[in-house]
Amino acid sequence: MAQRFLKIAVVYLFVGALLGIAMGIFQNFALVPVHAHIGLLGWATLALAGVIYHLHPAAAKTRLAQLHFWIHNLALPVFMIGLSIYLSGHPAFMGVVIVAALLVLIGLALFAVNILSNVKTTT
């Protein structure tokens, strides 16, 4: 599970960097919120989850880890595409943005429950 999180995080890193470079080339920064969310919810969050799961393999073996991975990675692209369309002048997509963002939040809640339940402190 740790490797899955790290590999998908690198994909988000590349996509976020590509979007940042494209915005700079075209001098159109309307999608800065998308760029930031890809960097934070994609690259940073998932890379850290991968590191945490590597350090705590018991948490990585849970159903919660699998659910977190799939919910997060199915909802985040929908969230980013919906936000891109919304920011491009289509306010009707706000509903898509809200639902997808809430699904990402549910994935993060599963991660939190998993870590709080399965990462034991050592004394």
Protein backbone atom coordinates (compact mmCIF):
# COMPACT_ATOMS: atom_id res chain seq x y z
CA MET A 1 0.00 0.00 0.00
CA ALA A 2 2.85 2.39 0.78
CA GLN A 3 4.24 1.97 -2.73
CA ARG A 4 0.82 2.66 -4.27
CA PHE A 5 0.52 5.92 -2.39
CA LEU A 6 4.06 7.00 -3.28
CA LYS A 7 3.68 6.13 -6.96
CA ILE A 8 0.37 7.96 -7.39
CA ALA A 9 1.80 10.92 -5.43
CA VAL A 10 4.58 11.24 -8.01
CA VAL A 11 1.97 11.30 -10.78
CA TYR A 12 0.23 14.20 -9.02
CA LEU A 13 3.59 15.94 -8.60
CA PHE A 14 4.21 15.73 -12.34
CA VAL A 15 0.67 16.86 -13.26
CA GLY A 16 0.86 19.79 -10.82
CA ALA A 17 4.26 20.86 -12.16
CA LEU A 18 3.03 20.53 -15.74
CA LEU A 19 0.00 22.70 -14.96
CA GLY A 20 2.23 25.29 -13.25
CA ILE A 21 4.56 25.47 -16.22
CA ALA A 22 1.63 25.73 -18.66
CA MET A 23 0.13 28.59 -16.66
CA GLY A 24 3.48 30.38 -16.73
CA ILE A 25 3.97 29.87 -20.46
CA PHE A 26 0.50 31.18 -21.30
CA GLN A 27 0.55 33.83 -18.53
CA ASN A 28 -2.91 32.67 -17.48
CA PHE A 29 -3.08 31.93 -13.77
CA ALA A 30 -6.83 31.26 -13.46
CA LEU A 31 -6.12 27.66 -12.43
CA VAL A 32 -3.77 28.46 -9.52
CA PRO A 33 -6.27 26.91 -7.04
CA VAL A 34 -6.22 23.68 -9.08
CA HIS A 35 -2.42 23.73 -9.15
CA ALA A 36 -2.30 24.22 -5.37
CA HIS A 37 -4.82 21.46 -4.66
CA ILE A 38 -2.98 18.99 -6.90
CA GLY A 39 0.23 19.81 -5.08
CA LEU A 40 -1.23 19.57 -1.59
CA LEU A 41 -3.96 16.92 -1.83
CA GLY A 42 -2.19 14.94 -4.53
CA TRP A 43 1.57 15.10 -4.10
CA ALA A 44 2.11 16.15 -0.48
CA THR A 45 -0.78 14.36 1.22
CA LEU A 46 -0.42 11.09 -0.64
CA ALA A 47 3.37 11.02 -0.40
CA LEU A 48 3.13 11.54 3.36
CA ALA A 49 0.49 8.81 3.59
CA GLY A 50 2.86 6.51 1.70
CA VAL A 51 5.70 7.27 4.10
CA ILE A 52 3.43 6.75 7.10
CA TYR A 53 2.19 3.44 5.71
CA HIS A 54 5.78 2.38 5.05
CA LEU A 55 6.70 3.15 8.65
CA HIS A 56 3.53 1.50 10.02
CA PRO A 57 2.81 -1.58 7.88
CA ALA A 58 -0.01 -2.75 10.14
CA ALA A 59 -2.02 0.35 9.18
CA ALA A 60 -1.16 -0.20 5.51
CA LYS A 61 -2.72 -3.68 5.55
CA THR A 62 -6.17 -2.49 6.60
CA ARG A 63 -9.34 -2.11 4.59
CA LEU A 64 -9.31 1.55 5.68
CA ALA A 65 -6.04 2.10 3.81
CA GLN A 66 -7.51 0.58 0.64
CA LEU A 67 -10.68 2.64 0.94
CA HIS A 68 -8.67 5.80 1.56
CA PHE A 69 -6.55 5.15 -1.53
CA TRP A 70 -9.46 4.47 -3.88
CA ILE A 71 -11.86 7.14 -2.63
CA HIS A 72 -9.12 9.79 -2.63
CA ASN A 73 -7.82 8.89 -6.08
CA LEU A 74 -11.22 8.57 -7.72
CA ALA A 75 -12.56 11.80 -6.19
CA LEU A 76 -9.48 14.06 -6.51
CA PRO A 77 -9.33 14.05 -10.34
CA VAL A 78 -13.08 14.75 -10.51
CA PHE A 79 -12.58 17.54 -7.97
CA MET A 80 -9.71 19.06 -10.00
CA ILE A 81 -11.46 18.77 -13.37
CA GLY A 82 -14.68 20.17 -11.91
CA LEU A 83 -12.79 23.03 -10.27
CA SER A 84 -10.98 23.77 -13.54
CA ILE A 85 -14.26 23.95 -15.42
CA TYR A 86 -15.85 26.06 -12.68
CA LEU A 87 -12.92 28.50 -12.66
CA SER A 88 -13.14 28.70 -16.45
CA GLY A 89 -16.51 30.39 -16.14
CA HIS A 90 -19.02 27.55 -15.70
CA PRO A 91 -20.69 28.04 -12.30
CA ALA A 92 -22.96 25.02 -12.85
CA PHE A 93 -19.97 22.81 -11.99
CA MET A 94 -19.90 23.97 -8.36
CA GLY A 95 -22.04 20.97 -7.40
CA VAL A 96 -19.45 18.59 -8.88
CA VAL A 97 -16.71 20.43 -7.00
CA ILE A 98 -18.58 20.21 -3.69
CA VAL A 99 -19.43 16.50 -3.99
CA ALA A 100 -15.93 15.52 -5.11
CA ALA A 101 -14.31 17.65 -2.38
CA LEU A 102 -16.51 15.99 0.24
CA LEU A 103 -15.49 12.56 -1.08
CA VAL A 104 -11.82 13.52 -0.75
CA LEU A 105 -12.60 14.63 2.79
CA ILE A 106 -14.22 11.25 3.50
CA GLY A 107 -11.05 9.56 2.22
CA LEU A 108 -8.98 11.73 4.54
CA ALA A 109 -11.30 10.89 7.44
CA LEU A 110 -10.72 7.18 6.75
CA PHE A 111 -6.98 7.84 6.80
CA ALA A 112 -7.29 9.62 10.14
CA VAL A 113 -9.35 6.80 11.66
CA ASN A 114 -6.86 4.26 10.34
CA ILE A 115 -3.86 6.08 11.79
CA LEU A 116 -5.54 6.77 15.12
CA SER A 117 -6.67 3.14 15.38
CA ASN A 118 -3.69 1.24 14.00
CA VAL A 119 -0.56 3.23 14.70
CA LYS A 120 0.52 2.23 18.17
CA THR A 121 2.95 4.19 20.27
CA THR A 122 5.99 2.36 21.53
CA THR A 123 7.45 3.01 24.95
